[in-house]
């Protein structure tokens, strides 16, 4: 039976070199992970920016599309200055009135002499829209 004996200095040198190799490997892995993380974060930010730009363009396009459709149907948005309520009004009449107690009661006219609040039924009162 043959026995072998190791040289302690040789084993210590190998162990030191192996420890240095592992330390270098860990340092390279950490640097690689940091780099990959940075690339991932940059890609996610670019995707977020792209999506936000898309949403802004979409909102702008929707707004212009709705304005175009409203112009085809001769609709416009007007405000009751006494309540602040907004209404979509059909047509391009000069004077538009709404009963704030019943928004289904609307009057439109081009006559500047017409007053919808003269001789009304009880509970009917009209505010002019602007």
Foldseek 3Di string as FASTA:
>chain_A
DDDDDDDVVVVVVVVVVVVVVVVVVVVVVVVVVVVVVVVVVVVVVVVVVVVVVVVVVVVVVVVVVVVVVCVVQQWDWWAQVVVRDIDIDGHDAPKKKAFPVDRVDIDGHNDPPDDPQPPDDPSGDITIID
